[in-house]
PDB file of N, CA and C in Angstrom:
ATOM      1  N   MET A   1     -85.922  91.821 125.189  1.00  0.00           N
ATOM      2  CA  MET A   1     -85.465  91.720 123.837  1.00  0.00           C
ATOM      3  C   MET A   1     -85.032  93.108 123.388  1.00  0.00           C
ATOM      4  N   LYS A   2     -83.915  93.179 122.668  1.00  0.00           N
ATOM      5  CA  LYS A   2     -83.420  94.454 122.165  1.00  0.00           C
ATOM      6  C   LYS A   2     -84.280  94.888 120.987  1.00  0.00           C
ATOM      7  N   VAL A   3     -84.460  96.191 120.867  1.00  0.00           N
ATOM      8  CA  VAL A   3     -85.331  96.753 119.839  1.00  0.00           C
ATOM      9  C   VAL A   3     -84.545  97.747 119.000  1.00  0.00           C
ATOM     10  N   GLU A   4     -84.725  97.720 117.692  1.00  0.00           N
ATOM     11  CA  GLU A   4     -84.172  98.742 116.801  1.00  0.00           C
ATOM     12  C   GLU A   4     -85.340  99.394 116.073  1.00  0.00           C
ATOM     13  N   PHE A   5     -85.420 100.718 116.152  1.00  0.00           N
ATOM     14  CA  PHE A   5     -86.513 101.448 115.533  1.00  0.00           C
ATOM     15  C   PHE A   5     -86.130 101.948 114.149  1.00  0.00           C
ATOM     16  N   ILE A   6     -87.141 102.304 113.384  1.00  0.00           N
ATOM     17  CA  ILE A   6     -86.885 102.930 112.092  1.00  0.00           C
ATOM     18  C   ILE A   6     -86.382 104.345 112.336  1.00  0.00           C
ATOM     19  N   ILE A   7     -85.824 104.971 111.346  1.00  0.00           N
ATOM     20  CA  ILE A   7     -85.090 106.236 111.468  1.00  0.00           C
ATOM     21  C   ILE A   7     -85.831 107.354 112.223  1.00  0.00           C
ATOM     22  N   PRO A   8     -87.100 107.706 111.939  1.00  0.00           N
ATOM     23  CA  PRO A   8     -87.667 108.858 112.645  1.00  0.00           C
ATOM     24  C   PRO A   8     -87.876 108.640 114.140  1.00  0.00           C
ATOM     25  N   ILE A   9     -87.958 107.397 114.602  1.00  0.00           N
ATOM     26  CA  ILE A   9     -88.191 107.137 116.028  1.00  0.00           C
ATOM     27  C   ILE A   9     -86.857 106.761 116.664  1.00  0.00           C
ATOM     28  N   GLU A  10     -86.441 107.558 117.633  1.00  0.00           N
ATOM     29  CA  GLU A  10     -85.175 107.288 118.289  1.00  0.00           C
ATOM     30  C   GLU A  10     -85.370 106.374 119.498  1.00  0.00           C
ATOM     31  N   ARG A  11     -86.369 106.692 120.338  1.00  0.00           N
ATOM     32  CA  ARG A  11     -86.633 105.870 121.522  1.00  0.00           C
ATOM     33  C   ARG A  11     -88.044 106.131 122.021  1.00  0.00           C
ATOM     34  N   ILE A  12     -88.587 105.158 122.740  1.00  0.00           N
ATOM     35  CA  ILE A  12     -89.886 105.324 123.401  1.00  0.00           C
ATOM     36  C   ILE A  12     -89.783 104.727 124.793  1.00  0.00           C
ATOM     37  N   ARG A  13     -90.718 105.121 125.655  1.00  0.00           N
ATOM     38  CA  ARG A  13     -90.743 104.625 127.027  1.00  0.00           C
ATOM     39  C   ARG A  13     -92.185 104.389 127.428  1.00  0.00           C
ATOM     40  N   GLY A  14     -92.460 103.265 128.053  1.00  0.00           N
ATOM     41  CA  GLY A  14     -93.799 102.955 128.525  1.00  0.00           C
ATOM     42  C   GLY A  14     -94.529 102.011 127.585  1.00  0.00           C
ATOM     43  N   LYS A  15     -95.860 101.907 127.797  1.00  0.00           N
ATOM     44  CA  LYS A  15     -96.676 101.032 126.962  1.00  0.00           C
ATOM     45  C   LYS A  15     -97.055 101.749 125.675  1.00  0.00           C
ATOM     46  N   LEU A  16     -96.998 101.031 124.583  1.00  0.00           N
ATOM     47  CA  LEU A  16     -97.400 101.577 123.303  1.00  0.00           C
ATOM     48  C   LEU A  16     -98.879 101.298 123.057  1.00  0.00           C
ATOM     49  N   ARG A  17     -99.311 100.092 123.363  1.00  0.00           N
ATOM     50  CA  ARG A  17    -100.715  99.698 123.305  1.00  0.00           C
ATOM     51  C   ARG A  17    -100.919  98.568 124.307  1.00  0.00           C
ATOM     52  N   GLN A  18    -102.126  98.063 124.431  1.00  0.00           N
ATOM     53  CA  GLN A  18    -102.438  97.057 125.448  1.00  0.00           C
ATOM     54  C   GLN A  18    -102.128  95.639 124.954  1.00  0.00           C
ATOM     55  N   ASP A  19    -100.916  95.404 124.467  1.00  0.00           N
ATOM     56  CA  ASP A  19    -100.550  94.078 123.970  1.00  0.00           C
ATOM     57  C   ASP A  19     -99.707  93.287 124.965  1.00  0.00           C
ATOM     58  N   GLY A  20     -99.472  93.830 126.158  1.00  0.00           N
ATOM     59  CA  GLY A  20     -98.718  93.108 127.175  1.00  0.00           C
ATOM     60  C   GLY A  20     -97.226  93.383 127.183  1.00  0.00           C
ATOM     61  N   TYR A  21     -96.761  94.397 126.444  1.00  0.00           N
ATOM     62  CA  TYR A  21     -95.343  94.749 126.408  1.00  0.00           C
ATOM     63  C   TYR A  21     -95.157  96.226 126.755  1.00  0.00           C
ATOM     64  N   TYR A  22     -93.999  96.542 127.340  1.00  0.00           N
ATOM     65  CA  TYR A  22     -93.632  97.936 127.551  1.00  0.00           C
ATOM     66  C   TYR A  22     -92.189  98.132 127.118  1.00  0.00           C
ATOM     67  N   PHE A  23     -91.824  99.381 126.877  1.00  0.00           N
ATOM     68  CA  PHE A  23     -90.503  99.727 126.361  1.00  0.00           C
ATOM     69  C   PHE A  23     -89.757 100.562 127.389  1.00  0.00           C
ATOM     70  N   ARG A  24     -88.433 100.349 127.452  1.00  0.00           N
ATOM     71  CA  ARG A  24     -87.594 101.120 128.364  1.00  0.00           C
ATOM     72  C   ARG A  24     -86.176 101.156 127.825  1.00  0.00           C
ATOM     73  N   MET A  25     -85.381 102.075 128.377  1.00  0.00           N
ATOM     74  CA  MET A  25     -83.963 102.162 128.022  1.00  0.00           C
ATOM     75  C   MET A  25     -83.167 101.481 129.130  1.00  0.00           C
ATOM     76  N   TYR A  26     -82.163 100.696 128.755  1.00  0.00           N
ATOM     77  CA  TYR A  26     -81.287 100.041 129.719  1.00  0.00           C
ATOM     78  C   TYR A  26     -79.869 100.096 129.175  1.00  0.00           C
ATOM     79  N   ARG A  27     -79.015 100.842 129.869  1.00  0.00           N
ATOM     80  CA  ARG A  27     -77.616 101.006 129.481  1.00  0.00           C
ATOM     81  C   ARG A  27     -77.469 101.440 128.032  1.00  0.00           C
ATOM     82  N   GLY A  28     -78.312 102.381 127.628  1.00  0.00           N
ATOM     83  CA  GLY A  28     -78.220 102.935 126.292  1.00  0.00           C
ATOM     84  C   GLY A  28     -78.870 102.107 125.205  1.00  0.00           C
ATOM     85  N   GLN A  29     -79.512 101.006 125.569  1.00  0.00           N
ATOM     86  CA  GLN A  29     -80.186 100.166 124.584  1.00  0.00           C
ATOM     87  C   GLN A  29     -81.686 100.183 124.829  1.00  0.00           C
ATOM     88  N   GLN A  30     -82.435 100.163 123.755  1.00  0.00           N
ATOM     89  CA  GLN A  30     -83.895 100.120 123.850  1.00  0.00           C
ATOM     90  C   GLN A  30     -84.321  98.670 124.092  1.00  0.00           C
ATOM     91  N   ILE A  31     -85.129  98.436 125.127  1.00  0.00           N
ATOM     92  CA  ILE A  31     -85.552  97.101 125.525  1.00  0.00           C
ATOM     93  C   ILE A  31     -87.078  97.019 125.506  1.00  0.00           C
ATOM     94  N   ALA A  32     -87.627  95.904 125.025  1.00  0.00           N
ATOM     95  CA  ALA A  32     -89.057  95.610 125.110  1.00  0.00           C
ATOM     96  C   ALA A  32     -89.219  94.443 126.078  1.00  0.00           C
ATOM     97  N   GLN A  33     -90.118  94.596 127.056  1.00  0.00           N
ATOM     98  CA  GLN A  33     -90.345  93.549 128.044  1.00  0.00           C
ATOM     99  C   GLN A  33     -91.825  93.300 128.216  1.00  0.00           C
ATOM    100  N   ARG A  34     -92.148  92.080 128.649  1.00  0.00           N
ATOM    101  CA  ARG A  34     -93.540  91.762 128.963  1.00  0.00           C
ATOM    102  C   ARG A  34     -93.940  92.460 130.244  1.00  0.00           C
ATOM    103  N   CYS A  35     -95.164  92.924 130.293  1.00  0.00           N
ATOM    104  CA  CYS A  35     -95.700  93.541 131.504  1.00  0.00           C
ATOM    105  C   CYS A  35     -95.941  92.458 132.554  1.00  0.00           C
ATOM    106  N   PRO A  36     -95.699  92.761 133.824  1.00  0.00           N
ATOM    107  CA  PRO A  36     -95.975  91.776 134.860  1.00  0.00           C
ATOM    108  C   PRO A  36     -97.479  91.532 134.976  1.00  0.00           C
ATOM    109  N   THR A  37     -97.826  90.309 135.291  1.00  0.00           N
ATOM    110  CA  THR A  37     -99.238  89.968 135.472  1.00  0.00           C
ATOM    111  C   THR A  37     -99.554  89.932 136.957  1.00  0.00           C
ATOM    112  N   LYS A  38    -100.758  90.277 137.305  1.00  0.00           N
ATOM    113  CA  LYS A  38    -101.183  90.251 138.693  1.00  0.00           C
ATOM    114  C   LYS A  38    -101.630  88.843 139.047  1.00  0.00           C
ATOM    115  N   TRP A  39    -101.107  88.321 140.145  1.00  0.00           N
ATOM    116  CA  TRP A  39    -101.440  86.965 140.567  1.00  0.00           C
ATOM    117  C   TRP A  39    -102.761  86.955 141.318  1.00  0.00           C
ATOM    118  N   GLU A  40    -103.427  85.819 141.267  1.00  0.00           N
ATOM    119  CA  GLU A  40    -104.647  85.652 142.047  1.00  0.00           C
ATOM    120  C   GLU A  40    -104.266  85.549 143.519  1.00  0.00           C
ATOM    121  N   ASP A  41    -105.103  86.086 144.377  1.00  0.00           N
ATOM    122  CA  ASP A  41    -104.849  86.030 145.807  1.00  0.00           C
ATOM    123  C   ASP A  41    -105.543  84.791 146.371  1.00  0.00           C
ATOM    124  N   THR A  42    -104.830  83.676 146.383  1.00  0.00           N
ATOM    125  CA  THR A  42    -105.373  82.412 146.874  1.00  0.00           C
ATOM    126  C   THR A  42    -105.177  82.317 148.385  1.00  0.00           C
ATOM    127  N   PRO A  43    -105.892  81.439 149.054  1.00  0.00           N
ATOM    128  CA  PRO A  43    -105.687  81.271 150.504  1.00  0.00           C
ATOM    129  C   PRO A  43    -104.249  80.869 150.856  1.00  0.00           C
ATOM    130  N   ALA A  44    -103.610  80.059 150.017  1.00  0.00           N
ATOM    131  CA  ALA A  44    -102.227  79.660 150.296  1.00  0.00           C
ATOM    132  C   ALA A  44    -101.288  80.856 150.218  1.00  0.00           C
ATOM    133  N   ARG A  45    -101.473  81.734 149.223  1.00  0.00           N
ATOM    134  CA  ARG A  45    -100.639  82.940 149.111  1.00  0.00           C
ATOM    135  C   ARG A  45    -100.855  83.862 150.305  1.00  0.00           C
ATOM    136  N   LYS A  46    -102.108  84.007 150.707  1.00  0.00           N
ATOM    137  CA  LYS A  46    -102.417  84.871 151.846  1.00  0.00           C
ATOM    138  C   LYS A  46    -101.763  84.325 153.114  1.00  0.00           C
ATOM    139  N   ALA A  47    -101.815  83.017 153.331  1.00  0.00           N
ATOM    140  CA  ALA A  47    -101.193  82.406 154.507  1.00  0.00           C
ATOM    141  C   ALA A  47     -99.678  82.596 154.480  1.00  0.00           C
ATOM    142  N   ALA A  48     -99.061  82.419 153.311  1.00  0.00           N
ATOM    143  CA  ALA A  48     -97.614  82.595 153.194  1.00  0.00           C
ATOM    144  C   ALA A  48     -97.225  84.047 153.462  1.00  0.00           C
ATOM    145  N   ARG A  49     -98.012  84.989 152.969  1.00  0.00           N
ATOM    146  CA  ARG A  49     -97.741  86.408 153.186  1.00  0.00           C
ATOM    147  C   ARG A  49     -97.843  86.748 154.670  1.00  0.00           C
ATOM    148  N   GLU A  50     -98.861  86.216 155.351  1.00  0.00           N
ATOM    149  CA  GLU A  50     -99.031  86.482 156.785  1.00  0.00           C
ATOM    150  C   GLU A  50     -97.896  85.858 157.597  1.00  0.00           C
ATOM    151  N   LYS A  51     -97.460  84.653 157.201  1.00  0.00           N
ATOM    152  CA  LYS A  51     -96.347  83.996 157.885  1.00  0.00           C
ATOM    153  C   LYS A  51     -95.066  84.814 157.714  1.00  0.00           C
ATOM    154  N   PHE A  52     -94.815  85.302 156.504  1.00  0.00           N
ATOM    155  CA  PHE A  52     -93.637  86.119 156.241  1.00  0.00           C
ATOM    156  C   PHE A  52     -93.686  87.403 157.074  1.00  0.00           C
ATOM    157  N   THR A  53     -94.846  88.043 157.112  1.00  0.00           N
ATOM    158  CA  THR A  53     -94.989  89.288 157.870  1.00  0.00           C
ATOM    159  C   THR A  53     -94.744  89.055 159.351  1.00  0.00           C
ATOM    160  N   ALA A  54     -95.297  87.972 159.887  1.00  0.00           N
ATOM    161  CA  ALA A  54     -95.108  87.680 161.312  1.00  0.00           C
ATOM    162  C   ALA A  54     -93.642  87.416 161.634  1.00  0.00           C
ATOM    163  N   GLN A  55     -92.913  86.794 160.721  1.00  0.00           N
ATOM    164  CA  GLN A  55     -91.517  86.439 160.981  1.00  0.00           C
ATOM    165  C   GLN A  55     -90.558  87.598 160.751  1.00  0.00           C
ATOM    166  N   TYR A  56     -90.783  88.401 159.718  1.00  0.00           N
ATOM    167  CA  TYR A  56     -89.784  89.398 159.324  1.00  0.00           C
ATOM    168  C   TYR A  56     -90.218  90.850 159.474  1.00  0.00           C
ATOM    169  N   ALA A  57     -91.402  91.108 159.969  1.00  0.00           N
ATOM    170  CA  ALA A  57     -91.873  92.495 160.096  1.00  0.00           C
ATOM    171  C   ALA A  57     -91.003  93.247 161.101  1.00  0.00           C
ATOM    172  N   VAL A  58     -90.711  94.495 160.775  1.00  0.00           N
ATOM    173  CA  VAL A  58     -89.931  95.348 161.664  1.00  0.00           C
ATOM    174  C   VAL A  58     -90.894  95.991 162.645  1.00  0.00           C
ATOM    175  N   LYS A  59     -90.585  95.824 163.914  1.00  0.00           N
ATOM    176  CA  LYS A  59     -91.421  96.408 164.955  1.00  0.00           C
ATOM    177  C   LYS A  59     -91.156  97.909 165.026  1.00  0.00           C
ATOM    178  N   LYS A  60     -92.220  98.700 165.020  1.00  0.00           N
ATOM    179  CA  LYS A  60     -92.058 100.156 165.106  1.00  0.00           C
ATOM    180  C   LYS A  60     -91.716 100.560 166.529  1.00  0.00           C
ATOM    181  N   LYS A  61     -90.791 101.499 166.628  1.00  0.00           N
ATOM    182  CA  LYS A  61     -90.413 102.012 167.935  1.00  0.00           C
ATOM    183  C   LYS A  61     -91.481 102.971 168.426  1.00  0.00           C
ATOM    184  N   PRO A  62     -91.771 102.979 169.713  1.00  0.00           N
ATOM    185  CA  PRO A  62     -92.762 103.924 170.227  1.00  0.00           C
ATOM    186  C   PRO A  62     -92.227 105.364 170.102  1.00  0.00           C
ATOM    187  N   VAL A  63     -93.109 106.261 169.791  1.00  0.00           N
ATOM    188  CA  VAL A  63     -92.733 107.664 169.629  1.00  0.00           C
ATOM    189  C   VAL A  63     -92.558 108.277 171.006  1.00  0.00           C
ATOM    190  N   SER A  64     -91.375 108.799 171.290  1.00  0.00           N
ATOM    191  CA  SER A  64     -91.136 109.441 172.588  1.00  0.00           C
ATOM    192  C   SER A  64     -91.548 110.896 172.500  1.00  0.00           C
ATOM    193  N   ASP A  65     -91.925 111.435 173.626  1.00  0.00           N
ATOM    194  CA  ASP A  65     -92.312 112.852 173.673  1.00  0.00           C
ATOM    195  C   ASP A  65     -91.043 113.693 173.652  1.00  0.00           C
ATOM    196  N   ALA A  66     -90.805 114.324 172.513  1.00  0.00           N
ATOM    197  CA  ALA A  66     -89.596 115.134 172.342  1.00  0.00           C
ATOM    198  C   ALA A  66     -89.728 116.425 173.123  1.00  0.00           C
ATOM    199  N   GLY A  67     -88.708 116.750 173.906  1.00  0.00           N
ATOM    200  CA  GLY A  67     -88.668 118.018 174.612  1.00  0.00           C
ATOM    201  C   GLY A  67     -89.380 118.000 175.938  1.00  0.00           C
ATOM    202  N   GLU A  68     -89.923 116.882 176.340  1.00  0.00           N
ATOM    203  CA  GLU A  68     -90.611 116.846 177.651  1.00  0.00           C
ATOM    204  C   GLU A  68     -89.876 115.958 178.594  1.00  0.00           C
TER     205      GLU A  68
END
């Protein structure tokens, strides 16, 4: 949501208080947004995360001995 402040306040950034909103600038406009909430780590989420990791994880290359 776009925000307009009273005259002495030009802009703010970050949380003002613990009400679940934070403020930021976006393309020259002051924006107020809801803070993201942390999801519960359920067994289904954990299984989906492990499945995603197994399918899309980038395999690290072995470190070669440089100069030998």
